[in-house]
Every structure is written in C-alpha cells, then in structure tokens.
Amino acid sequence: MVRPYGGYLSWVIDRMFRSERHPLILGQTVKLTGMNAEVAAVTEDGRPAEATFRFDVPLESDSL
C-alpha cells in the first residue's frame, strides 16, 4: 500500500488528470495495462488517502 502525505489529488495540478466531478471512492479499482490500483482509504474530504497497487509481473521483471 502507498499512503502519500496529505493523500492523493492534494495538489491543484493533480486535478488536471482526475476531475473532482468523478471522485475515486473507497474500494474502487482503476485498471491500466499491466497494473491495477485500488483505493484502500479516503481522506475526510473524500480524496484517496491510500492505494494498493498490483502488477501483472514482479517489479523486478526485465520487462519493466
């Protein structure tokens, strides 16, 4: 799990990539090629506070 200080989407520039009109909710999974990220906790104002990342291959893989 990764928990950045202050949570995710805490900077204005972060909101260029994820609109506040489409918040990420607790338990939501974002699926990308080769990786899934799940919201594991949220802040008091509803932003993701912690995420769990799962990769299709080990991070030590030469393919990465």
Protein backbone atom coordinates (compact mmCIF):
# COMPACT_ATOMS: atom_id res chain seq x y z
CA MET A 1 0.00 0.00 0.00
CA VAL A 2 1.09 3.55 -0.66
CA ARG A 3 -0.12 6.44 1.52
CA PRO A 4 1.28 9.82 0.44
CA TYR A 5 1.38 12.62 2.99
CA GLY A 6 -1.88 14.56 2.58
CA GLY A 7 -3.43 11.91 0.34
CA TYR A 8 -3.73 11.74 -3.42
CA LEU A 9 -5.04 14.61 -5.55
CA SER A 10 -3.97 17.16 -2.96
CA TRP A 11 -2.33 19.48 -5.49
CA VAL A 12 -4.27 21.59 -7.99
CA ILE A 13 -2.19 20.18 -10.85
CA ASP A 14 -3.29 16.64 -9.86
CA ARG A 15 -6.86 17.63 -10.67
CA MET A 16 -5.86 18.15 -14.31
CA PHE A 17 -5.76 14.37 -14.54
CA ARG A 18 -8.77 13.49 -12.36
CA SER A 19 -11.83 15.73 -12.17
CA GLU A 20 -13.48 16.36 -8.80
CA ARG A 21 -16.75 15.63 -10.61
CA HIS A 22 -15.67 11.98 -10.85
CA PRO A 23 -14.25 11.17 -7.40
CA LEU A 24 -12.48 7.93 -6.68
CA ILE A 25 -14.36 6.06 -3.94
CA LEU A 26 -13.26 3.57 -1.31
CA GLY A 27 -12.75 0.16 -2.92
CA GLN A 28 -12.75 1.47 -6.47
CA THR A 29 -10.21 -0.16 -8.77
CA VAL A 30 -8.53 1.61 -11.66
CA LYS A 31 -7.33 -0.88 -14.27
CA LEU A 32 -4.44 0.05 -16.52
CA THR A 33 -2.35 -2.08 -18.84
CA GLY A 34 -0.21 -4.25 -16.59
CA MET A 35 -1.42 -2.78 -13.30
CA ASN A 36 -4.46 -2.31 -11.05
CA ALA A 37 -4.73 0.33 -8.33
CA GLU A 38 -7.40 0.07 -5.62
CA VAL A 39 -8.44 2.90 -3.29
CA ALA A 40 -7.80 1.45 0.18
CA ALA A 41 -8.68 4.54 2.28
CA VAL A 42 -10.05 8.04 1.73
CA THR A 43 -9.40 11.41 3.36
CA GLU A 44 -12.04 13.35 5.31
CA ASP A 45 -12.78 15.38 2.18
CA GLY A 46 -13.25 12.24 0.07
CA ARG A 47 -9.95 12.06 -1.80
CA PRO A 48 -7.99 8.80 -1.96
CA ALA A 49 -5.67 8.57 1.04
CA GLU A 50 -4.13 5.17 0.37
CA ALA A 51 -3.90 2.86 -2.62
CA THR A 52 -2.90 -0.74 -3.19
CA PHE A 53 -1.08 -1.46 -6.45
CA ARG A 54 -0.99 -4.87 -8.12
CA PHE A 55 1.17 -5.52 -11.16
CA ASP A 56 0.88 -8.28 -13.74
CA VAL A 57 4.59 -9.07 -13.36
CA PRO A 58 7.01 -8.66 -10.46
CA LEU A 59 8.56 -5.19 -10.27
CA GLU A 60 11.96 -6.83 -10.67
CA SER A 61 10.95 -8.19 -14.09
CA ASP A 62 13.24 -7.32 -17.01
CA SER A 63 10.10 -6.46 -18.98
CA LEU A 64 9.75 -3.32 -16.89
